[in-house]
Amino acid sequence: MIRTPILAALLILSVQARAQVEQTNTRYDEDWSLLRDSPKRDADWWHRLKDRPIDPDGAVRVTLGAEARARYEGLDNNLWGQPPSPDDGYLWLRLMPLADVRAGPVRAFVQGIAGYAVGVGAGAGPTDETGVDLLQGFADLRLPLGTRATATLRAGRELVALGSERLVGLRYGPNIPQPFDGVRLMLDRGGARLQALHIRPVAIRPGDLDDRTSPTRSLDGLYVTLPIAPGAQADFYWLRYGDASARFAGLTARERRDTYGIRLFGTRGRLGWNWEAMLQRGRFGDAEIRAWSVASETSYAFPQATLAPRLRLRANIASGDRDPGDGRLETFNALFPKGKYFGELSPIGPRNIVNLHPSLDVDLGRGVTGELAGAAYWRASRGDGVYDVSGQLIREAGGSDARHIGNQLELSFGWQASTILSFSVSASIFAPGDFLRETGSARTIRMLGAETMLRF
């Protein structure tokens, strides 16, 4: 159940700092060489850890950093009251130190993780706990190709985020991100980029130093990003996913699935857009795969108005299987999506779903922001059930013809207390619709979340 005393315990730190470099979830993208010639580069204690020479000539430079995060989530009627642990309250803890060493065109990047979960009622899973392990460890070689182009070859273990993370994401919101082992080639010219990848997901295990490359799953692909107009870009991609022991509808078989996609995104004045269409073909055992999805996010900002509000509408549809016996598998596979897909409370994922998700963002000043979001969910196909973000079936079709899964309301606040310290709180409810009421437990989910993060 929701344990509010823990929430107050999370609000205990105070740090004041300034930076000239934007910190990102993909820490290897940060370029701290921008501080090298700054007259006040050592004004903040953690700046002294960035882009420091470790040899007399300054040819080899090192950057150190870390992230410490504590997140509490308390749930009543988790999964609408389904066992084994409908009422739950747990604390996620993770520490992720890093070292980035660069010498001319060569770079080595290492990031460890210590990730633990306290009080998970149903038992900690791979998104909750990993012990002490290697999160990222890779080397790359960057070479110039003419005056405006570069080629980067990277090999090892890394976090990978493609586009808006609808298919390949960091899984950053839950406690344990999703790393991959393999090789990635990146060609950059101007604002264009071509990526070729051959990677395998890392299977997360609860013990120390025991995370291993998945022996059954793989991902290959090409991903191209092109500027198409001022303020507008387009992604074109092909991804081939393989799983030697995939599961669907109680069956285990080999899956080979090709995803062809296009994404249009950008901003023009106050208008922003992020629209994506995906088509999937392949085979699951003897069944032919014919799945698809369309996802969109459109926003309009009012920067001169009080609180600088921004209206946003997300609309998504992902196909579901209409008939398990027709020799076709039509359920969309979101592969490795971002973790909290539809919000802080995300009991369902982007499979067999139609979703409308309006929201309002506001800037309350002094680093405080707020968001109010609502969402409605329906099944795309009456012959298929409801899935979680990872793709596990959590509610079978059960003979119900109802499409409405339920409605969600969420209120969240964030406070960027300083450049390196942030806090957030959220309150969410998910009221079940006809489908859930007709197929099993159908209580309203309530969740309270709170998080503090120190990252430098």
Protein backbone atom coordinates (compact mmCIF):
# COMPACT_ATOMS: atom_id res chain seq x y z
CA MET A 1 0.00 0.00 0.00
CA ILE A 2 1.03 3.66 -0.27
CA ARG A 3 3.44 4.62 2.51
CA THR A 4 3.65 8.42 2.60
CA PRO A 5 6.36 8.74 5.34
CA ILE A 6 8.98 7.49 2.88
CA LEU A 7 8.17 10.36 0.53
CA ALA A 8 9.31 13.01 2.98
CA ALA A 9 12.57 11.14 3.56
CA LEU A 10 13.49 11.56 -0.10
CA LEU A 11 13.56 15.40 0.10
CA ILE A 12 16.81 15.74 2.07
CA LEU A 13 19.49 17.12 -0.25
CA SER A 14 20.41 20.67 -1.29
CA VAL A 15 23.04 21.53 -3.90
CA GLN A 16 23.67 24.71 -5.89
CA ALA A 17 25.66 24.41 -9.14
CA ARG A 18 25.93 25.76 -12.66
CA ALA A 19 26.98 24.08 -15.90
CA GLN A 20 27.60 24.93 -19.50
CA VAL A 21 26.91 21.44 -20.86
CA GLU A 22 23.54 19.75 -21.08
CA GLN A 23 23.53 16.45 -19.20
CA THR A 24 21.68 13.60 -20.89
CA ASN A 25 20.44 10.11 -20.11
CA THR A 26 22.94 8.81 -22.68
CA ARG A 27 25.92 10.08 -20.74
CA TYR A 28 28.38 9.22 -23.49
CA ASP A 29 26.89 12.00 -25.66
CA GLU A 30 28.07 14.74 -23.29
CA ASP A 31 30.96 16.86 -24.61
CA TRP A 32 32.75 18.48 -21.68
CA SER A 33 35.57 19.86 -23.84
CA LEU A 34 33.39 23.00 -24.00
CA LEU A 35 34.61 23.80 -20.48
CA ARG A 36 38.29 23.57 -21.41
CA ASP A 37 38.84 27.27 -22.11
CA SER A 38 36.23 28.64 -19.71
CA PRO A 39 37.76 31.09 -17.17
CA LYS A 40 35.35 29.83 -14.48
CA ARG A 41 35.45 26.16 -15.33
CA ASP A 42 36.33 25.17 -11.72
CA ALA A 43 33.69 27.35 -10.05
CA ASP A 44 31.65 24.25 -9.21
CA TRP A 45 33.29 21.28 -7.50
CA TRP A 46 32.03 18.73 -10.00
CA HIS A 47 33.39 20.70 -12.97
CA ARG A 48 36.85 19.72 -11.73
CA LEU A 49 36.02 16.13 -12.70
CA LYS A 50 35.35 16.97 -16.35
CA ASP A 51 37.74 16.78 -19.31
CA ARG A 52 40.93 16.66 -17.21
CA PRO A 53 44.35 15.84 -18.72
CA ILE A 54 46.04 12.75 -17.30
CA ASP A 55 49.32 13.08 -19.22
CA PRO A 56 51.80 15.98 -19.44
CA ASP A 57 50.86 16.85 -23.02
CA GLY A 58 47.11 16.83 -22.38
CA ALA A 59 46.57 14.34 -25.20
CA VAL A 60 44.70 11.92 -22.94
CA ARG A 61 41.76 13.38 -21.03
CA VAL A 62 39.31 11.86 -18.57
CA THR A 63 35.81 12.79 -17.43
CA LEU A 64 34.30 11.35 -14.27
CA GLY A 65 30.64 11.48 -13.26
CA ALA A 66 27.87 9.67 -11.44
CA GLU A 67 24.14 9.44 -10.91
CA ALA A 68 22.47 8.56 -7.60
CA ARG A 69 18.71 8.07 -7.67
CA ALA A 70 16.12 7.03 -5.10
CA ARG A 71 12.55 6.45 -6.23
CA TYR A 72 9.55 5.37 -4.18
CA GLU A 73 6.35 3.98 -5.69
CA GLY A 74 3.28 3.05 -3.67
CA LEU A 75 0.40 1.24 -5.34
CA ASP A 76 -3.12 0.25 -4.31
CA ASN A 77 -4.83 -2.37 -6.49
CA ASN A 78 -1.85 -2.90 -8.77
CA LEU A 79 -2.97 -4.53 -12.06
CA TRP A 80 -6.55 -3.73 -11.00
CA GLY A 81 -6.31 -5.95 -7.93
CA GLN A 82 -4.81 -9.05 -9.53
CA PRO A 83 -2.62 -11.28 -7.31
CA PRO A 84 0.07 -11.86 -6.19
CA SER A 85 0.66 -8.36 -4.78
CA PRO A 86 -2.06 -5.84 -5.62
CA ASP A 87 -1.11 -3.47 -2.78
CA ASP A 88 2.57 -2.70 -2.90
CA GLY A 89 5.08 -0.08 -1.82
CA TYR A 90 8.76 -0.29 -2.73
CA LEU A 91 11.92 1.77 -2.96
CA TRP A 92 14.23 1.68 -5.96
CA LEU A 93 17.88 2.64 -5.37
CA ARG A 94 20.58 2.95 -8.00
CA LEU A 95 24.09 4.37 -8.28
CA MET A 96 25.73 4.69 -11.71
CA PRO A 97 29.35 6.02 -11.71
CA LEU A 98 31.14 6.59 -15.01
CA ALA A 99 34.54 7.26 -16.54
CA ASP A 100 35.10 8.58 -20.07
CA VAL A 101 38.71 8.51 -21.37
CA ARG A 102 39.56 10.16 -24.72
CA ALA A 103 42.80 10.23 -26.66
CA GLY A 104 42.46 11.83 -30.07
CA PRO A 105 40.12 9.66 -32.18
CA VAL A 106 39.98 6.84 -29.59
CA ARG A 107 37.61 6.76 -26.63
CA ALA A 108 36.78 4.27 -23.86
CA PHE A 109 33.60 4.68 -21.81
CA VAL A 110 32.71 2.69 -18.69
CA GLN A 111 29.61 3.05 -16.51
CA GLY A 112 28.80 0.72 -13.65
CA ILE A 113 25.54 0.23 -11.81
CA ALA A 114 24.51 -0.78 -8.32
CA GLY A 115 20.76 -1.30 -8.47
CA TYR A 116 18.56 -2.57 -5.65
CA ALA A 117 14.86 -2.78 -4.82
CA VAL A 118 13.46 -2.79 -1.29
CA GLY A 119 9.98 -4.15 -0.56
CA VAL A 120 8.74 -5.35 -3.98
CA GLY A 121 5.81 -7.53 -2.94
CA ALA A 122 5.77 -9.85 -5.96
CA GLY A 123 9.55 -10.22 -5.99
CA ALA A 124 12.13 -8.08 -7.76
CA GLY A 125 12.41 -8.59 -11.52
CA PRO A 126 14.97 -7.49 -14.14
CA THR A 127 13.66 -3.90 -14.18
CA ASP A 128 13.97 -3.69 -10.37
CA GLU A 129 17.33 -5.13 -9.35
CA THR A 130 20.70 -6.16 -10.76
CA GLY A 131 23.12 -5.89 -7.85
CA VAL A 132 26.55 -4.55 -8.84
CA ASP A 133 27.19 -4.89 -12.55
CA LEU A 134 28.56 -3.34 -15.74
CA LEU A 135 25.94 -1.12 -17.34
CA GLN A 136 28.10 0.21 -20.16
CA GLY A 137 31.61 -0.56 -21.33
CA PHE A 138 32.69 0.19 -24.89
CA ALA A 139 35.46 1.59 -27.04
CA ASP A 140 35.00 3.64 -30.15
CA LEU A 141 37.11 5.03 -32.96
CA ARG A 142 36.12 8.29 -34.63
CA LEU A 143 37.64 9.23 -37.98
CA PRO A 144 37.10 12.25 -40.26
CA LEU A 145 35.66 11.67 -43.72
CA GLY A 146 36.36 14.93 -45.46
CA THR A 147 35.63 18.37 -44.02
CA ARG A 148 32.06 17.82 -42.71
CA ALA A 149 31.70 14.08 -42.24
CA THR A 150 32.84 11.63 -39.56
CA ALA A 151 32.63 7.88 -39.01
CA THR A 152 32.40 6.36 -35.53
CA LEU A 153 32.81 2.62 -34.95
CA ARG A 154 31.76 1.46 -31.49
CA ALA A 155 31.97 -2.01 -29.93
CA GLY A 156 31.03 -3.27 -26.49
CA ARG A 157 28.12 -2.77 -24.11
CA GLU A 158 26.03 0.39 -24.31
CA LEU A 159 22.61 1.94 -23.85
CA VAL A 160 20.94 2.61 -27.20
CA ALA A 161 18.13 5.08 -27.91
CA LEU A 162 16.73 5.25 -31.43
CA GLY A 163 14.43 8.15 -32.30
CA SER A 164 11.77 8.74 -29.67
CA GLU A 165 12.42 5.32 -28.08
CA ARG A 166 9.14 3.76 -29.21
CA LEU A 167 11.02 0.65 -30.40
CA VAL A 168 14.53 0.83 -28.95
CA GLY A 169 14.95 2.80 -25.75
CA LEU A 170 17.02 3.15 -22.61
CA ARG A 171 14.33 1.87 -20.21
CA TYR A 172 15.51 4.72 -18.02
CA GLY A 173 12.34 5.29 -15.96
CA PRO A 174 12.37 1.94 -14.12
CA ASN A 175 15.29 1.12 -11.85
CA ILE A 176 17.48 -0.89 -14.24
CA PRO A 177 18.09 0.39 -17.80
CA GLN A 178 18.36 -2.01 -20.76
CA PRO A 179 21.91 -2.31 -22.17
CA PHE A 180 22.95 -4.06 -25.40
CA ASP A 181 26.14 -5.87 -26.42
CA GLY A 182 27.41 -5.55 -29.97
CA VAL A 183 28.66 -3.18 -32.64
CA ARG A 184 27.34 0.14 -33.93
CA LEU A 185 28.62 2.21 -36.89
CA MET A 186 27.60 5.87 -37.12
CA LEU A 187 28.21 8.09 -40.15
CA ASP A 188 27.54 11.82 -39.66
CA ARG A 189 27.50 14.55 -42.29
CA GLY A 190 26.03 17.92 -41.46
CA GLY A 191 22.66 17.28 -39.84
CA ALA A 192 22.33 13.78 -41.35
CA ARG A 193 23.22 10.50 -39.65
CA LEU A 194 23.31 6.86 -40.74
CA GLN A 195 23.49 4.15 -38.09
CA ALA A 196 24.12 0.46 -38.71
CA LEU A 197 23.80 -1.82 -35.70
CA HIS A 198 24.28 -5.46 -34.77
CA ILE A 199 23.43 -5.89 -31.09
CA ARG A 200 21.96 -8.28 -28.52
CA PRO A 201 20.09 -7.26 -25.36
CA VAL A 202 21.72 -7.96 -22.02
CA ALA A 203 19.74 -10.34 -19.79
CA ILE A 204 19.52 -8.71 -16.34
CA ARG A 205 20.07 -11.02 -13.35
CA PRO A 206 19.80 -10.19 -9.63
CA GLY A 207 23.32 -11.15 -8.52
CA ASP A 208 26.59 -9.24 -8.72
CA LEU A 209 28.48 -9.27 -12.04
CA ASP A 210 26.14 -11.85 -13.57
CA ASP A 211 24.39 -9.91 -16.38
CA ARG A 212 25.01 -11.72 -19.66
CA THR A 213 24.36 -11.25 -23.37
CA SER A 214 21.02 -12.82 -24.32
CA PRO A 215 21.68 -16.16 -26.11
CA THR A 216 18.30 -16.07 -27.90
CA ARG A 217 17.48 -12.47 -28.88
CA SER A 218 19.17 -10.18 -31.41
CA LEU A 219 18.59 -6.88 -33.20
CA ASP A 220 20.09 -5.68 -36.49
CA GLY A 221 19.20 -2.63 -38.49
CA LEU A 222 19.79 0.58 -40.39
CA TYR A 223 18.57 3.93 -39.04
CA VAL A 224 18.83 7.13 -41.09
CA THR A 225 18.08 10.68 -39.90
CA LEU A 226 17.81 13.48 -42.48
CA PRO A 227 16.97 17.19 -42.30
CA ILE A 228 14.06 17.83 -44.68
CA ALA A 229 13.23 21.50 -43.98
CA PRO A 230 14.17 24.22 -41.47
CA GLY A 231 13.18 22.86 -38.07
CA ALA A 232 12.01 19.53 -39.52
CA GLN A 233 13.68 16.12 -39.74
CA ALA A 234 12.78 12.60 -40.81
CA ASP A 235 13.91 9.14 -39.71
CA PHE A 236 13.79 6.13 -42.02
CA TYR A 237 14.66 2.73 -40.64
CA TRP A 238 14.68 -1.04 -40.93
CA LEU A 239 15.09 -3.22 -37.83
CA ARG A 240 15.35 -7.02 -37.82
CA TYR A 241 14.48 -8.66 -34.51
CA GLY A 242 15.14 -12.32 -33.81
CA ASP A 243 14.15 -14.50 -30.87
CA ALA A 244 14.90 -18.22 -30.88
CA SER A 245 12.40 -18.88 -28.08
CA ALA A 246 9.65 -16.28 -28.42
CA ARG A 247 6.33 -16.79 -26.65
CA PHE A 248 2.84 -15.89 -27.74
CA ALA A 249 -0.59 -17.27 -26.75
CA GLY A 250 0.96 -20.12 -24.79
CA LEU A 251 3.21 -21.19 -27.68
CA THR A 252 7.00 -21.04 -27.92
CA ALA A 253 8.58 -20.71 -31.37
CA ARG A 254 11.31 -18.93 -33.30
CA GLU A 255 10.40 -15.34 -34.23
CA ARG A 256 11.90 -13.25 -37.00
CA ARG A 257 10.32 -9.83 -37.34
CA ASP A 258 11.27 -6.97 -39.68
CA THR A 259 10.09 -3.47 -38.80
CA TYR A 260 10.00 -0.76 -41.47
CA GLY A 261 9.37 2.73 -40.16
CA ILE A 262 9.27 6.43 -40.87
CA ARG A 263 9.24 9.22 -38.32
CA LEU A 264 8.61 12.92 -38.96
CA PHE A 265 9.52 15.34 -36.18
CA GLY A 266 10.40 18.94 -35.55
CA THR A 267 9.18 22.36 -34.46
CA ARG A 268 7.95 25.45 -36.26
CA GLY A 269 7.20 28.43 -34.08
CA ARG A 270 4.91 27.25 -31.29
CA LEU A 271 4.00 23.99 -33.00
CA GLY A 272 5.83 20.72 -32.37
CA TRP A 273 5.27 17.28 -33.88
CA ASN A 274 6.59 13.73 -33.56
CA TRP A 275 4.71 11.30 -35.83
CA GLU A 276 5.72 7.73 -36.59
CA ALA A 277 4.39 4.82 -38.66
CA MET A 278 5.68 1.24 -38.38
CA LEU A 279 4.99 -1.89 -40.44
CA GLN A 280 6.06 -5.36 -39.28
CA ARG A 281 6.48 -8.53 -41.34
CA GLY A 282 8.09 -11.90 -40.57
CA ARG A 283 7.28 -15.26 -39.05
CA PHE A 284 6.50 -16.72 -35.65
CA GLY A 285 6.96 -20.46 -36.09
CA ASP A 286 4.64 -21.33 -38.97
CA ALA A 287 2.53 -18.20 -38.55
CA GLU A 288 2.95 -15.15 -40.77
CA ILE A 289 3.50 -11.84 -38.96
CA ARG A 290 1.41 -8.92 -40.22
CA ALA A 291 1.43 -6.12 -37.64
CA TRP A 292 1.60 -2.34 -37.61
CA SER A 293 1.45 0.77 -35.45
CA VAL A 294 0.96 4.52 -35.82
CA ALA A 295 2.05 6.83 -33.01
CA SER A 296 1.80 10.61 -32.83
CA GLU A 297 2.56 13.49 -30.51
CA THR A 298 1.54 17.05 -31.40
CA SER A 299 2.06 20.08 -29.16
CA TYR A 300 1.37 23.80 -29.15
CA ALA A 301 3.09 26.19 -26.76
CA PHE A 302 2.12 29.59 -25.37
CA PRO A 303 5.50 30.87 -24.15
CA GLN A 304 4.33 34.46 -23.53
CA ALA A 305 1.29 33.49 -21.46
CA THR A 306 1.22 33.15 -17.69
CA LEU A 307 2.95 29.87 -16.67
CA ALA A 308 4.02 29.32 -20.32
CA PRO A 309 1.50 26.48 -20.88
CA ARG A 310 1.94 23.84 -23.53
CA LEU A 311 -0.91 21.69 -24.81
CA ARG A 312 -0.03 18.25 -26.10
CA LEU A 313 -1.98 15.39 -27.64
CA ARG A 314 -0.63 11.89 -28.10
CA ALA A 315 -2.63 9.46 -30.22
CA ASN A 316 -1.50 5.88 -30.76
CA ILE A 317 -2.75 2.66 -32.29
CA ALA A 318 -0.95 -0.70 -32.31
CA SER A 319 -2.42 -3.77 -33.97
CA GLY A 320 -3.64 -6.86 -32.15
CA ASP A 321 -4.30 -10.44 -33.21
CA ARG A 322 -7.83 -10.93 -34.53
CA ASP A 323 -7.92 -14.75 -34.67
CA PRO A 324 -5.35 -17.04 -33.01
CA GLY A 325 -6.26 -19.86 -35.41
CA ASP A 326 -5.95 -18.12 -38.79
CA GLY A 327 -2.21 -18.66 -39.31
CA ARG A 328 -1.38 -14.97 -38.83
CA LEU A 329 0.14 -13.17 -35.88
CA GLU A 330 -1.07 -9.57 -35.94
CA THR A 331 0.02 -8.36 -32.50
CA PHE A 332 2.50 -5.50 -32.77
CA ASN A 333 5.84 -6.06 -31.03
CA ALA A 334 7.32 -2.88 -29.53
CA LEU A 335 10.71 -4.65 -29.13
CA PHE A 336 12.65 -2.70 -26.45
CA PRO A 337 10.61 0.47 -25.73
CA LYS A 338 11.18 3.14 -23.11
CA GLY A 339 10.13 1.99 -19.66
CA LYS A 340 7.34 4.29 -18.44
CA TYR A 341 5.68 4.39 -21.83
CA PHE A 342 2.40 6.20 -21.12
CA GLY A 343 3.34 8.01 -17.91
CA GLU A 344 4.59 7.42 -14.39
CA LEU A 345 1.87 4.76 -14.07
CA SER A 346 2.11 2.49 -17.11
CA PRO A 347 0.37 -0.84 -16.41
CA ILE A 348 -0.19 -1.47 -20.14
CA GLY A 349 2.08 -1.22 -23.15
CA PRO A 350 1.83 -0.36 -26.87
CA ARG A 351 0.37 -3.65 -28.15
CA ASN A 352 -3.25 -4.22 -29.26
CA ILE A 353 -4.17 -0.75 -28.18
CA VAL A 354 -5.83 2.49 -29.23
CA ASN A 355 -4.87 5.40 -27.03
CA LEU A 356 -5.70 9.12 -26.70
CA HIS A 357 -3.52 11.05 -24.29
CA PRO A 358 -4.01 14.83 -23.88
CA SER A 359 -1.87 16.79 -21.43
CA LEU A 360 -1.06 20.28 -20.21
CA ASP A 361 2.45 21.36 -19.12
CA VAL A 362 3.12 24.53 -17.12
CA ASP A 363 6.21 26.34 -15.83
CA LEU A 364 5.65 27.43 -12.23
CA GLY A 365 8.95 29.28 -11.97
CA ARG A 366 12.19 28.73 -10.02
CA GLY A 367 12.76 25.39 -11.70
CA VAL A 368 9.34 23.95 -10.87
CA THR A 369 7.18 22.44 -13.61
CA GLY A 370 3.82 20.68 -13.56
CA GLU A 371 1.87 18.41 -15.85
CA LEU A 372 -1.74 17.24 -15.87
CA ALA A 373 -2.42 14.33 -18.20
CA GLY A 374 -5.41 12.19 -19.01
CA ALA A 375 -5.53 9.04 -21.11
CA ALA A 376 -8.12 6.64 -22.49
CA TYR A 377 -7.32 3.13 -23.71
CA TRP A 378 -9.19 0.68 -25.95
CA ARG A 379 -8.29 -2.67 -27.46
CA ALA A 380 -7.51 -2.47 -31.17
CA SER A 381 -8.72 -6.06 -31.70
CA ARG A 382 -11.43 -7.88 -29.75
CA GLY A 383 -9.63 -11.18 -30.32
CA ASP A 384 -6.54 -10.17 -28.35
CA GLY A 385 -5.84 -9.26 -24.75
CA VAL A 386 -3.89 -6.60 -22.86
CA TYR A 387 -0.09 -6.53 -22.55
CA ASP A 388 2.37 -4.77 -20.28
CA VAL A 389 5.24 -2.61 -21.55
CA SER A 390 7.62 -5.57 -21.75
CA GLY A 391 5.16 -7.52 -23.92
CA GLN A 392 3.83 -9.98 -21.34
CA LEU A 393 0.12 -10.83 -21.64
CA ILE A 394 -1.48 -9.59 -18.42
CA ARG A 395 -5.19 -10.03 -19.29
CA GLU A 396 -6.49 -12.53 -21.85
CA ALA A 397 -9.33 -11.67 -24.22
CA GLY A 398 -11.56 -13.96 -22.17
CA GLY A 399 -14.43 -13.95 -24.63
CA SER A 400 -15.23 -10.27 -23.99
CA ASP A 401 -16.34 -8.11 -26.94
CA ALA A 402 -15.70 -4.88 -25.03
CA ARG A 403 -12.94 -2.63 -26.32
CA HIS A 404 -12.65 -0.03 -23.53
CA ILE A 405 -9.77 -0.93 -21.20
CA GLY A 406 -9.94 2.10 -18.93
CA ASN A 407 -9.08 5.75 -18.27
CA GLN A 408 -6.09 7.24 -16.52
CA LEU A 409 -5.46 10.60 -14.82
CA GLU A 410 -2.04 11.76 -13.67
CA LEU A 411 -0.68 14.86 -11.97
CA SER A 412 3.07 15.35 -11.65
CA PHE A 413 5.49 18.04 -10.49
CA GLY A 414 9.22 18.38 -11.02
CA TRP A 415 11.74 20.66 -9.35
CA GLN A 416 15.18 21.24 -10.87
CA ALA A 417 16.70 22.47 -7.63
CA SER A 418 20.09 22.99 -9.26
CA THR A 419 21.93 21.89 -12.36
CA ILE A 420 22.70 18.52 -10.79
CA LEU A 421 19.87 17.95 -8.30
CA SER A 422 16.21 17.29 -9.10
CA PHE A 423 13.05 16.10 -7.36
CA SER A 424 9.71 14.88 -8.69
CA VAL A 425 6.37 13.67 -7.33
CA SER A 426 3.34 12.20 -9.08
CA ALA A 427 -0.14 10.93 -8.31
CA SER A 428 -1.97 8.62 -10.72
CA ILE A 429 -5.24 6.71 -10.95
CA PHE A 430 -6.41 4.17 -13.53
CA ALA A 431 -10.16 3.46 -13.58
CA PRO A 432 -11.04 0.14 -15.32
CA GLY A 433 -13.36 0.00 -18.32
CA ASP A 434 -15.79 -2.64 -19.55
CA PHE A 435 -13.14 -5.06 -20.81
CA LEU A 436 -11.41 -5.32 -17.44
CA ARG A 437 -14.72 -5.60 -15.59
CA GLU A 438 -15.83 -8.45 -17.85
CA THR A 439 -12.61 -10.46 -17.63
CA GLY A 440 -11.50 -10.40 -13.99
CA SER A 441 -10.47 -8.14 -11.15
CA ALA A 442 -11.37 -4.52 -11.93
CA ARG A 443 -10.44 -2.22 -9.08
CA THR A 444 -9.11 1.30 -9.58
CA ILE A 445 -5.32 1.52 -9.46
CA ARG A 446 -3.88 4.33 -7.37
CA MET A 447 -0.17 5.17 -7.41
CA LEU A 448 1.95 7.74 -5.62
CA GLY A 449 5.53 8.25 -6.77
CA ALA A 450 8.44 10.36 -5.55
CA GLU A 451 12.00 10.62 -6.79
CA THR A 452 15.23 12.44 -6.03
CA MET A 453 18.24 12.35 -8.34
CA LEU A 454 21.76 13.72 -8.08
CA ARG A 455 23.59 13.62 -11.43
CA PHE A 456 26.91 15.18 -12.37
